[in-house]
Amino acid sequence: HATRDLYEAIERGEYPVWNVFVQIMTPKEAETYRFNPFDITKV
């Protein structure tokens, strides 16, 4: 259903919009962070 809705919205000129946010830390901050920031289970 969601795919069809997306295509129909685009056909009507109602284009999807996404907001993207990025958090940046230095390598030193990553070393001392309270958990491993590269652990995908924490995302």
PDB file of N, CA and C in Angstrom:
ATOM      1  N   HIS A   1       0.824  -1.193   0.000  1.00  0.00           N
ATOM      2  CA  HIS A   1       0.000   0.000   0.000  1.00  0.00           C
ATOM      3  C   HIS A   1       0.869   1.258   0.000  1.00  0.00           C
ATOM      4  N   ALA A   2       1.925   1.289   0.776  1.00  0.00           N
ATOM      5  CA  ALA A   2       2.756   2.494   0.887  1.00  0.00           C
ATOM      6  C   ALA A   2       3.442   2.820  -0.437  1.00  0.00           C
ATOM      7  N   THR A   3       3.861   1.784  -1.168  1.00  0.00           N
ATOM      8  CA  THR A   3       4.525   2.024  -2.453  1.00  0.00           C
ATOM      9  C   THR A   3       3.556   2.634  -3.450  1.00  0.00           C
ATOM     10  N   ARG A   4       2.358   2.093  -3.513  1.00  0.00           N
ATOM     11  CA  ARG A   4       1.353   2.632  -4.429  1.00  0.00           C
ATOM     12  C   ARG A   4       1.018   4.073  -4.060  1.00  0.00           C
ATOM     13  N   ASP A   5       0.860   4.331  -2.771  1.00  0.00           N
ATOM     14  CA  ASP A   5       0.563   5.683  -2.296  1.00  0.00           C
ATOM     15  C   ASP A   5       1.672   6.653  -2.699  1.00  0.00           C
ATOM     16  N   LEU A   6       2.922   6.212  -2.573  1.00  0.00           N
ATOM     17  CA  LEU A   6       4.053   7.055  -2.960  1.00  0.00           C
ATOM     18  C   LEU A   6       3.989   7.401  -4.442  1.00  0.00           C
ATOM     19  N   TYR A   7       3.791   6.399  -5.283  1.00  0.00           N
ATOM     20  CA  TYR A   7       3.732   6.645  -6.725  1.00  0.00           C
ATOM     21  C   TYR A   7       2.558   7.546  -7.102  1.00  0.00           C
ATOM     22  N   GLU A   8       1.417   7.322  -6.483  1.00  0.00           N
ATOM     23  CA  GLU A   8       0.247   8.152  -6.785  1.00  0.00           C
ATOM     24  C   GLU A   8       0.460   9.591  -6.331  1.00  0.00           C
ATOM     25  N   ALA A   9       1.095   9.782  -5.196  1.00  0.00           N
ATOM     26  CA  ALA A   9       1.383  11.137  -4.715  1.00  0.00           C
ATOM     27  C   ALA A   9       2.327  11.850  -5.677  1.00  0.00           C
ATOM     28  N   ILE A  10       3.338  11.157  -6.156  1.00  0.00           N
ATOM     29  CA  ILE A  10       4.282  11.762  -7.108  1.00  0.00           C
ATOM     30  C   ILE A  10       3.567  12.128  -8.401  1.00  0.00           C
ATOM     31  N   GLU A  11       2.678  11.262  -8.863  1.00  0.00           N
ATOM     32  CA  GLU A  11       1.908  11.569 -10.074  1.00  0.00           C
ATOM     33  C   GLU A  11       1.071  12.833  -9.900  1.00  0.00           C
ATOM     34  N   ARG A  12       0.608  13.095  -8.673  1.00  0.00           N
ATOM     35  CA  ARG A  12      -0.177  14.305  -8.395  1.00  0.00           C
ATOM     36  C   ARG A  12       0.720  15.528  -8.181  1.00  0.00           C
ATOM     37  N   GLY A  13       2.016  15.325  -8.230  1.00  0.00           N
ATOM     38  CA  GLY A  13       2.943  16.432  -8.008  1.00  0.00           C
ATOM     39  C   GLY A  13       3.267  16.655  -6.544  1.00  0.00           C
ATOM     40  N   GLU A  14       2.860  15.735  -5.688  1.00  0.00           N
ATOM     41  CA  GLU A  14       3.145  15.824  -4.252  1.00  0.00           C
ATOM     42  C   GLU A  14       4.394  14.993  -3.964  1.00  0.00           C
ATOM     43  N   TYR A  15       5.532  15.634  -4.078  1.00  0.00           N
ATOM     44  CA  TYR A  15       6.797  14.922  -3.959  1.00  0.00           C
ATOM     45  C   TYR A  15       7.184  14.704  -2.502  1.00  0.00           C
ATOM     46  N   PRO A  16       7.799  13.563  -2.206  1.00  0.00           N
ATOM     47  CA  PRO A  16       8.211  13.285  -0.827  1.00  0.00           C
ATOM     48  C   PRO A  16       9.340  14.206  -0.393  1.00  0.00           C
ATOM     49  N   VAL A  17       9.418  14.422   0.902  1.00  0.00           N
ATOM     50  CA  VAL A  17      10.456  15.272   1.485  1.00  0.00           C
ATOM     51  C   VAL A  17      11.040  14.537   2.682  1.00  0.00           C
ATOM     52  N   TRP A  18      12.350  14.591   2.807  1.00  0.00           N
ATOM     53  CA  TRP A  18      13.025  13.987   3.952  1.00  0.00           C
ATOM     54  C   TRP A  18      13.880  15.039   4.622  1.00  0.00           C
ATOM     55  N   ASN A  19      13.965  14.972   5.927  1.00  0.00           N
ATOM     56  CA  ASN A  19      14.889  15.801   6.701  1.00  0.00           C
ATOM     57  C   ASN A  19      16.008  14.897   7.183  1.00  0.00           C
ATOM     58  N   VAL A  20      17.232  15.324   6.971  1.00  0.00           N
ATOM     59  CA  VAL A  20      18.388  14.528   7.371  1.00  0.00           C
ATOM     60  C   VAL A  20      19.187  15.313   8.396  1.00  0.00           C
ATOM     61  N   PHE A  21      19.550  14.651   9.474  1.00  0.00           N
ATOM     62  CA  PHE A  21      20.349  15.272  10.524  1.00  0.00           C
ATOM     63  C   PHE A  21      21.600  14.433  10.737  1.00  0.00           C
ATOM     64  N   VAL A  22      22.709  15.092  10.979  1.00  0.00           N
ATOM     65  CA  VAL A  22      23.982  14.408  11.184  1.00  0.00           C
ATOM     66  C   VAL A  22      24.610  14.902  12.476  1.00  0.00           C
ATOM     67  N   GLN A  23      25.066  13.973  13.285  1.00  0.00           N
ATOM     68  CA  GLN A  23      25.821  14.326  14.480  1.00  0.00           C
ATOM     69  C   GLN A  23      27.266  13.901  14.234  1.00  0.00           C
ATOM     70  N   ILE A  24      28.188  14.792  14.532  1.00  0.00           N
ATOM     71  CA  ILE A  24      29.596  14.533  14.262  1.00  0.00           C
ATOM     72  C   ILE A  24      30.375  14.574  15.566  1.00  0.00           C
ATOM     73  N   MET A  25      31.299  13.624  15.716  1.00  0.00           N
ATOM     74  CA  MET A  25      32.191  13.631  16.874  1.00  0.00           C
ATOM     75  C   MET A  25      33.608  13.359  16.388  1.00  0.00           C
ATOM     76  N   THR A  26      34.549  13.823  17.148  1.00  0.00           N
ATOM     77  CA  THR A  26      35.952  13.596  16.810  1.00  0.00           C
ATOM     78  C   THR A  26      36.319  12.153  17.174  1.00  0.00           C
ATOM     79  N   PRO A  27      37.405  11.630  16.606  1.00  0.00           N
ATOM     80  CA  PRO A  27      37.849  10.289  16.998  1.00  0.00           C
ATOM     81  C   PRO A  27      38.104  10.180  18.505  1.00  0.00           C
ATOM     82  N   LYS A  28      38.631  11.233  19.112  1.00  0.00           N
ATOM     83  CA  LYS A  28      38.886  11.215  20.558  1.00  0.00           C
ATOM     84  C   LYS A  28      37.570  11.108  21.336  1.00  0.00           C
ATOM     85  N   GLU A  29      36.550  11.844  20.911  1.00  0.00           N
ATOM     86  CA  GLU A  29      35.241  11.750  21.563  1.00  0.00           C
ATOM     87  C   GLU A  29      34.665  10.338  21.423  1.00  0.00           C
ATOM     88  N   ALA A  30      34.872   9.722  20.267  1.00  0.00           N
ATOM     89  CA  ALA A  30      34.372   8.360  20.053  1.00  0.00           C
ATOM     90  C   ALA A  30      35.044   7.372  20.997  1.00  0.00           C
ATOM     91  N   GLU A  31      36.330   7.581  21.264  1.00  0.00           N
ATOM     92  CA  GLU A  31      37.067   6.686  22.165  1.00  0.00           C
ATOM     93  C   GLU A  31      36.531   6.736  23.592  1.00  0.00           C
ATOM     94  N   THR A  32      36.060   7.889  24.022  1.00  0.00           N
ATOM     95  CA  THR A  32      35.646   8.054  25.416  1.00  0.00           C
ATOM     96  C   THR A  32      34.125   8.106  25.596  1.00  0.00           C
ATOM     97  N   TYR A  33      33.366   7.852  24.532  1.00  0.00           N
ATOM     98  CA  TYR A  33      31.912   7.914  24.641  1.00  0.00           C
ATOM     99  C   TYR A  33      31.404   6.772  25.509  1.00  0.00           C
ATOM    100  N   ARG A  34      30.234   6.925  26.105  1.00  0.00           N
ATOM    101  CA  ARG A  34      29.723   5.953  27.086  1.00  0.00           C
ATOM    102  C   ARG A  34      29.417   4.581  26.482  1.00  0.00           C
ATOM    103  N   PHE A  35      29.219   4.504  25.174  1.00  0.00           N
ATOM    104  CA  PHE A  35      29.099   3.216  24.491  1.00  0.00           C
ATOM    105  C   PHE A  35      29.768   3.341  23.135  1.00  0.00           C
ATOM    106  N   ASN A  36      29.972   2.217  22.471  1.00  0.00           N
ATOM    107  CA  ASN A  36      30.630   2.214  21.165  1.00  0.00           C
ATOM    108  C   ASN A  36      29.685   2.839  20.131  1.00  0.00           C
ATOM    109  N   PRO A  37      30.011   4.019  19.599  1.00  0.00           N
ATOM    110  CA  PRO A  37      29.114   4.671  18.644  1.00  0.00           C
ATOM    111  C   PRO A  37      29.021   3.926  17.311  1.00  0.00           C
ATOM    112  N   PHE A  38      29.884   2.956  17.093  1.00  0.00           N
ATOM    113  CA  PHE A  38      29.844   2.163  15.862  1.00  0.00           C
ATOM    114  C   PHE A  38      29.068   0.859  16.042  1.00  0.00           C
ATOM    115  N   ASP A  39      28.499   0.666  17.229  1.00  0.00           N
ATOM    116  CA  ASP A  39      27.678  -0.511  17.509  1.00  0.00           C
ATOM    117  C   ASP A  39      26.289  -0.267  16.929  1.00  0.00           C
ATOM    118  N   ILE A  40      25.972  -0.962  15.849  1.00  0.00           N
ATOM    119  CA  ILE A  40      24.721  -0.725  15.118  1.00  0.00           C
ATOM    120  C   ILE A  40      23.488  -1.021  15.981  1.00  0.00           C
ATOM    121  N   THR A  41      23.636  -1.820  17.038  1.00  0.00           N
ATOM    122  CA  THR A  41      22.484  -2.101  17.904  1.00  0.00           C
ATOM    123  C   THR A  41      22.120  -0.901  18.768  1.00  0.00           C
ATOM    124  N   LYS A  42      22.968   0.110  18.809  1.00  0.00           N
ATOM    125  CA  LYS A  42      22.702   1.308  19.609  1.00  0.00           C
ATOM    126  C   LYS A  42      22.088   2.437  18.781  1.00  0.00           C
ATOM    127  N   VAL A  43      21.973   2.218  17.490  1.00  0.00           N
ATOM    128  CA  VAL A  43      21.455   3.271  16.606  1.00  0.00           C
ATOM    129  C   VAL A  43      19.952   3.323  16.696  1.00  0.00           C
TER     130      VAL A  43
END
